[in-house]
Amino acid sequence: MKKIFDVPNARTIHEMLTPRLGGLAIFAGFASALTIFGDLTSPVIQKALAGTIMIFFIGLKDDIVPVSPFKKFFVQVLATGIVMFLSDLRVSSFYGILGIDKLDDGISYLFTFMVIVGITNAINLIDGVNGLAGTMVMIAGLTFGITFLEYKDPMAYLAFPLVGGVVGFLRYNFNKAIIFMGDTGSLMSGYLLAVMAIGLVERAPVIGHTPALTIAALFIPILDTIRVFVLRVLVGRSPFSPDRNHLHHRLLVLGLNHTMTVAVLAIVNLLAIILVLSLPILSDTWLIGLLMIYGIVFSLILELLTRNKKDAAPL
């Protein structure tokens, strides 16, 4: 059964049939800009593009004909393997975080795999309010792109085309959205951000504080994913079971509309980035610790504000 339109249900917020192939436009914008202006001779760019194409097609198929979670996960494993093994893009060290430096190869590959798959799906999970996922991708993409550009890193050629594709899409995804990015857009964007995140962490010896900056750039997607997983486990449910406990659901319960919800979460994410950039004297361990405290405090405040709201989803 084909499902080109997103059908409203008990968990969704939209009330009308809405096309879910916006990821096609994002991919078209990204691929066009990359092939015209990018450096396709870079091995990392080549492998990242190959992985992106794989993610794009499995997302596109899922947006048209339902694909089993196993098949989507399998393709994500293959796409991750392409950049890990063929271009040797992986987290090789924690660069002093918690006193840990160089990682054994096995741990390095495992951790890199978890990061790429985790971030890829984190963007997909946060795609629940008009404009939210696109805005988070734009913020993270710009953060990565500007940093890479400053140090003349070829990964800037991944960041800016992605941002351009998303900005063009967001015009039709805010307020009463006339199209959604679907799994095509969210998985593809998440995968590219994950690849750039690994690349940025590995620039720590040159740039400094890149582990903390990477977490800050993806602060809301990471926080939201960890938060809902913890809440589900605490009540004895599968961490992968759907619910209405995401950050954007909580803000909507407070009476905020879609645009206000996106604005609040964007500001929270930008403040995380500012926090890291404004405290260069601190180590990555301290900066990541501050980001954790910031996330916990924000989550607790949100829970307190929505606890007595009649429409709030049960924990």
Protein backbone atom coordinates (compact mmCIF):
# COMPACT_ATOMS: atom_id res chain seq x y z
CA MET A 1 0.00 0.00 0.00
CA LYS A 2 1.48 3.34 -1.03
CA LYS A 3 1.51 6.18 1.52
CA ILE A 4 2.67 9.28 -0.31
CA PHE A 5 0.44 11.33 2.00
CA ASP A 6 0.88 11.49 5.78
CA VAL A 7 -2.42 10.44 7.36
CA PRO A 8 -3.35 12.13 10.69
CA ASN A 9 -3.56 9.81 13.71
CA ALA A 10 -3.58 9.94 17.51
CA ARG A 11 0.11 10.88 17.68
CA THR A 12 0.31 13.41 14.86
CA ILE A 13 -0.43 17.11 15.14
CA HIS A 14 -1.55 17.90 11.60
CA GLU A 15 -5.22 17.41 10.70
CA MET A 16 -5.10 17.01 6.90
CA LEU A 17 -3.52 14.66 4.39
CA THR A 18 -0.09 16.13 3.69
CA PRO A 19 2.46 15.00 1.10
CA ARG A 20 5.58 13.54 2.71
CA LEU A 21 8.10 13.69 -0.13
CA GLY A 22 9.80 16.96 0.80
CA GLY A 23 13.01 14.98 1.18
CA LEU A 24 13.14 14.78 -2.61
CA ALA A 25 13.51 18.56 -2.78
CA ILE A 26 16.12 18.59 -0.01
CA PHE A 27 18.17 15.92 -1.77
CA ALA A 28 17.85 17.67 -5.13
CA GLY A 29 19.08 20.96 -3.66
CA PHE A 30 21.89 19.28 -1.76
CA ALA A 31 23.08 17.12 -4.67
CA SER A 32 22.90 19.98 -7.18
CA ALA A 33 24.94 22.36 -5.03
CA LEU A 34 27.46 19.67 -4.12
CA THR A 35 28.08 18.55 -7.69
CA ILE A 36 28.32 22.11 -9.02
CA PHE A 37 30.35 23.77 -6.26
CA GLY A 38 31.75 20.91 -4.16
CA ASP A 39 35.07 19.11 -4.22
CA LEU A 40 34.13 15.65 -5.49
CA THR A 41 37.79 14.61 -5.54
CA SER A 42 37.84 14.38 -1.73
CA PRO A 43 37.61 10.72 -0.64
CA VAL A 44 35.54 11.64 2.41
CA ILE A 45 33.06 13.60 0.28
CA GLN A 46 32.81 10.72 -2.18
CA LYS A 47 32.08 8.13 0.51
CA ALA A 48 29.66 10.42 2.34
CA LEU A 49 27.78 11.04 -0.91
CA ALA A 50 27.60 7.30 -1.59
CA GLY A 51 26.19 6.67 1.87
CA THR A 52 23.75 9.55 1.51
CA ILE A 53 22.39 8.13 -1.74
CA MET A 54 21.76 4.78 -0.01
CA ILE A 55 19.95 6.48 2.88
CA PHE A 56 17.99 8.63 0.43
CA PHE A 57 16.61 5.66 -1.49
CA ILE A 58 15.61 3.63 1.57
CA GLY A 59 13.92 6.72 3.03
CA LEU A 60 12.18 7.41 -0.28
CA LYS A 61 10.89 3.84 -0.46
CA ASP A 62 9.62 4.05 3.12
CA ASP A 63 7.78 7.27 2.30
CA ILE A 64 6.01 5.53 -0.58
CA VAL A 65 5.77 1.88 0.50
CA PRO A 66 6.28 0.89 4.15
CA VAL A 67 9.71 -0.59 4.85
CA SER A 68 10.44 -2.77 7.87
CA PRO A 69 12.62 -1.23 10.63
CA PHE A 70 15.16 -4.01 10.03
CA LYS A 71 15.62 -3.05 6.37
CA LYS A 72 16.06 0.63 7.25
CA PHE A 73 18.55 -0.27 9.96
CA PHE A 74 20.44 -2.60 7.60
CA VAL A 75 20.86 0.18 5.03
CA GLN A 76 22.02 2.55 7.78
CA VAL A 77 24.63 -0.04 8.77
CA LEU A 78 25.87 -0.25 5.18
CA ALA A 79 25.99 3.55 4.79
CA THR A 80 27.86 3.86 8.07
CA GLY A 81 30.31 1.17 7.03
CA ILE A 82 31.10 3.05 3.81
CA VAL A 83 32.41 6.12 5.63
CA MET A 84 33.98 4.17 8.50
CA PHE A 85 35.91 1.56 6.55
CA LEU A 86 36.41 3.05 3.08
CA SER A 87 37.40 6.55 4.21
CA ASP A 88 38.48 5.64 7.77
CA LEU A 89 36.23 8.32 9.24
CA ARG A 90 35.80 7.42 12.89
CA VAL A 91 36.24 8.74 16.40
CA SER A 92 39.78 7.62 17.20
CA SER A 93 40.12 9.43 20.53
CA PHE A 94 38.09 11.11 23.27
CA TYR A 95 40.78 13.81 23.41
CA GLY A 96 41.05 13.86 27.18
CA ILE A 97 37.33 13.71 28.03
CA LEU A 98 37.10 11.94 31.41
CA GLY A 99 40.83 11.27 31.06
CA ILE A 100 40.35 9.09 27.96
CA ASP A 101 42.50 9.64 24.90
CA LYS A 102 43.18 7.14 22.08
CA LEU A 103 40.56 4.42 21.63
CA ASP A 104 41.19 0.80 20.70
CA ASP A 105 40.12 0.12 17.11
CA GLY A 106 37.20 -2.08 18.16
CA ILE A 107 35.83 0.53 20.56
CA SER A 108 36.46 3.26 17.99
CA TYR A 109 34.42 1.52 15.30
CA LEU A 110 31.63 0.59 17.72
CA PHE A 111 31.35 4.10 19.13
CA THR A 112 31.41 5.68 15.66
CA PHE A 113 28.69 3.30 14.49
CA MET A 114 26.50 4.20 17.50
CA VAL A 115 27.02 7.92 16.91
CA ILE A 116 26.18 7.85 13.20
CA VAL A 117 23.11 5.65 13.56
CA GLY A 118 22.02 7.54 16.69
CA ILE A 119 22.22 11.01 15.12
CA THR A 120 20.64 9.77 11.88
CA ASN A 121 17.58 8.60 13.79
CA ALA A 122 17.56 11.51 16.26
CA ILE A 123 16.67 13.91 13.44
CA ASN A 124 13.96 11.51 12.32
CA LEU A 125 12.51 11.33 15.86
CA ILE A 126 12.35 15.10 16.29
CA ASP A 127 10.45 15.61 13.04
CA GLY A 128 7.09 16.13 14.75
CA VAL A 129 6.28 19.83 14.40
CA ASN A 130 6.21 21.94 11.25
CA GLY A 131 9.66 23.39 10.63
CA LEU A 132 11.35 21.82 13.67
CA ALA A 133 13.58 19.17 12.10
CA GLY A 134 14.54 21.51 9.26
CA THR A 135 15.44 24.28 11.70
CA MET A 136 17.59 21.95 13.81
CA VAL A 137 19.36 20.69 10.68
CA MET A 138 19.95 24.28 9.56
CA ILE A 139 21.44 25.31 12.93
CA ALA A 140 23.72 22.28 13.15
CA GLY A 141 24.67 22.49 9.46
CA LEU A 142 25.62 26.15 9.73
CA THR A 143 27.64 25.51 12.89
CA PHE A 144 29.55 22.70 11.22
CA GLY A 145 29.89 24.54 7.91
CA ILE A 146 31.24 27.78 9.36
CA THR A 147 33.73 25.87 11.51
CA PHE A 148 34.91 23.73 8.59
CA LEU A 149 35.12 26.77 6.31
CA GLU A 150 37.23 28.67 8.83
CA TYR A 151 39.79 25.87 8.77
CA LYS A 152 39.44 25.20 5.02
CA ASP A 153 38.14 21.69 5.61
CA PRO A 154 36.47 20.02 2.57
CA MET A 155 33.56 18.90 4.75
CA ALA A 156 32.22 22.42 4.38
CA TYR A 157 31.10 21.18 0.94
CA LEU A 158 28.69 18.82 2.71
CA ALA A 159 27.40 21.36 5.21
CA PHE A 160 26.40 24.31 3.06
CA PRO A 161 24.61 22.34 0.30
CA LEU A 162 22.60 20.57 3.01
CA VAL A 163 21.69 23.88 4.63
CA GLY A 164 20.70 25.29 1.24
CA GLY A 165 18.46 22.32 0.49
CA VAL A 166 16.79 22.56 3.90
CA VAL A 167 16.27 26.33 3.72
CA GLY A 168 14.48 25.95 0.39
CA PHE A 169 12.28 23.24 1.91
CA LEU A 170 11.47 25.20 5.10
CA ARG A 171 9.61 27.82 3.08
CA TYR A 172 6.85 25.25 2.54
CA ASN A 173 7.09 23.50 5.92
CA PHE A 174 6.38 26.27 8.43
CA ASN A 175 2.98 27.14 9.95
CA LYS A 176 0.38 25.17 7.97
CA ALA A 177 2.85 22.97 6.17
CA ILE A 178 1.96 21.95 2.66
CA ILE A 179 4.65 19.25 2.59
CA PHE A 180 6.69 17.18 5.07
CA MET A 181 10.32 16.08 4.71
CA GLY A 182 9.38 12.47 5.51
CA ASP A 183 11.94 9.77 6.22
CA THR A 184 13.69 10.70 2.98
CA GLY A 185 14.64 14.14 4.28
CA SER A 186 15.09 13.40 7.97
CA LEU A 187 17.24 10.28 7.59
CA MET A 188 19.36 11.83 4.84
CA SER A 189 19.88 15.03 6.83
CA GLY A 190 20.63 13.10 10.01
CA TYR A 191 23.17 10.91 8.25
CA LEU A 192 25.01 13.88 6.75
CA LEU A 193 25.06 15.69 10.10
CA ALA A 194 26.37 12.51 11.75
CA VAL A 195 29.22 12.23 9.23
CA MET A 196 30.08 15.89 9.76
CA ALA A 197 29.89 15.44 13.54
CA ILE A 198 32.48 12.63 13.41
CA GLY A 199 34.64 14.75 11.11
CA LEU A 200 34.47 17.73 13.46
CA VAL A 201 35.32 15.68 16.56
CA GLU A 202 38.40 14.37 14.76
CA ARG A 203 39.54 17.97 14.15
CA ALA A 204 39.97 18.49 17.91
CA PRO A 205 43.81 18.61 17.78
CA VAL A 206 43.60 21.49 15.29
CA ILE A 207 40.42 23.34 16.24
CA GLY A 208 39.97 22.45 19.91
CA HIS A 209 36.75 21.81 21.88
CA THR A 210 35.13 20.12 18.88
CA PRO A 211 33.53 17.30 20.94
CA ALA A 212 31.65 19.85 23.05
CA LEU A 213 30.79 22.00 20.02
CA THR A 214 29.45 18.94 18.19
CA ILE A 215 27.12 18.08 21.06
CA ALA A 216 26.04 21.72 21.33
CA ALA A 217 25.27 21.95 17.61
CA LEU A 218 22.99 18.91 17.91
CA PHE A 219 21.82 19.73 21.43
CA ILE A 220 18.03 19.51 21.00
CA PRO A 221 17.99 16.33 18.85
CA ILE A 222 20.37 14.59 21.26
CA LEU A 223 18.54 15.80 24.38
CA ASP A 224 15.13 14.87 23.00
CA THR A 225 16.22 11.36 21.98
CA ILE A 226 17.91 10.58 25.31
CA ARG A 227 15.00 12.08 27.26
CA VAL A 228 12.22 10.07 25.59
CA PHE A 229 14.26 6.86 25.72
CA VAL A 230 14.86 7.29 29.48
CA LEU A 231 11.20 8.14 30.17
CA ARG A 232 10.00 5.08 28.26
CA VAL A 233 12.40 2.74 30.03
CA LEU A 234 11.43 4.16 33.44
CA VAL A 235 7.80 3.16 32.89
CA GLY A 236 8.72 -0.26 31.56
CA ARG A 237 8.12 0.38 27.85
CA SER A 238 10.35 -0.19 24.88
CA PRO A 239 12.57 2.85 24.23
CA PHE A 240 11.46 2.62 20.59
CA SER A 241 7.71 2.72 21.31
CA PRO A 242 6.06 5.94 20.02
CA ASP A 243 4.43 8.43 22.39
CA ARG A 244 3.77 12.15 22.86
CA ASN A 245 6.55 12.85 25.34
CA HIS A 246 8.90 14.66 22.97
CA LEU A 247 10.02 18.18 23.86
CA HIS A 248 7.84 19.69 21.14
CA HIS A 249 4.77 17.85 22.48
CA ARG A 250 5.38 19.33 25.93
CA LEU A 251 5.70 22.85 24.56
CA LEU A 252 2.47 22.42 22.59
CA VAL A 253 0.72 21.36 25.80
CA LEU A 254 1.73 24.74 27.26
CA GLY A 255 -0.29 26.41 24.52
CA LEU A 256 2.50 27.35 22.15
CA ASN A 257 1.80 27.08 18.42
CA HIS A 258 4.15 25.38 15.97
CA THR A 259 6.20 28.49 15.19
CA MET A 260 6.62 29.42 18.86
CA THR A 261 7.61 25.84 19.70
CA VAL A 262 10.28 25.82 17.00
CA ALA A 263 11.50 29.24 18.14
CA VAL A 264 11.88 28.13 21.78
CA LEU A 265 13.78 24.96 20.88
CA ALA A 266 15.96 26.85 18.38
CA ILE A 267 16.88 29.40 21.06
CA VAL A 268 17.68 26.63 23.55
CA ASN A 269 19.94 25.00 20.93
CA LEU A 270 21.64 28.29 20.02
CA LEU A 271 22.29 29.05 23.70
CA ALA A 272 24.05 25.68 24.02
CA ILE A 273 26.34 26.64 21.13
CA ILE A 274 26.99 30.08 22.65
CA LEU A 275 27.78 28.44 25.99
CA VAL A 276 30.53 26.33 24.44
CA LEU A 277 31.98 29.13 22.31
CA SER A 278 32.00 31.64 25.19
CA LEU A 279 33.97 29.41 27.59
CA PRO A 280 37.12 28.41 25.67
CA ILE A 281 39.15 28.23 28.87
CA LEU A 282 37.22 25.18 30.06
CA SER A 283 38.04 21.64 29.00
CA ASP A 284 35.69 19.51 26.90
CA THR A 285 34.87 17.47 30.02
CA TRP A 286 33.63 20.57 31.84
CA LEU A 287 31.82 21.93 28.81
CA ILE A 288 29.99 18.65 28.18
CA GLY A 289 29.15 18.51 31.89
CA LEU A 290 27.63 22.00 31.67
CA LEU A 291 25.62 20.97 28.61
CA MET A 292 24.29 17.97 30.54
CA ILE A 293 23.23 20.17 33.44
CA TYR A 294 21.64 22.64 31.01
CA GLY A 295 19.67 19.83 29.37
CA ILE A 296 18.52 18.34 32.67
CA VAL A 297 17.40 21.72 34.00
CA PHE A 298 15.48 22.52 30.81
CA SER A 299 13.78 19.11 30.87
CA LEU A 300 12.82 19.42 34.55
CA ILE A 301 11.39 22.90 34.07
CA LEU A 302 9.34 21.65 31.13
CA GLU A 303 8.04 18.72 33.17
CA LEU A 304 7.05 20.97 36.08
CA LEU A 305 5.24 23.39 33.78
CA THR A 306 3.27 20.62 32.04
CA ARG A 307 2.67 18.26 34.94
CA ASN A 308 -0.81 19.51 35.72
CA LYS A 309 -1.89 20.15 32.16
CA LYS A 310 -4.84 17.91 31.32
CA ASP A 311 -3.59 17.24 27.79
CA ALA A 312 -0.11 16.22 28.86
CA ALA A 313 0.90 12.72 27.86
CA PRO A 314 1.49 10.32 30.76
CA LEU A 315 5.11 9.57 31.62
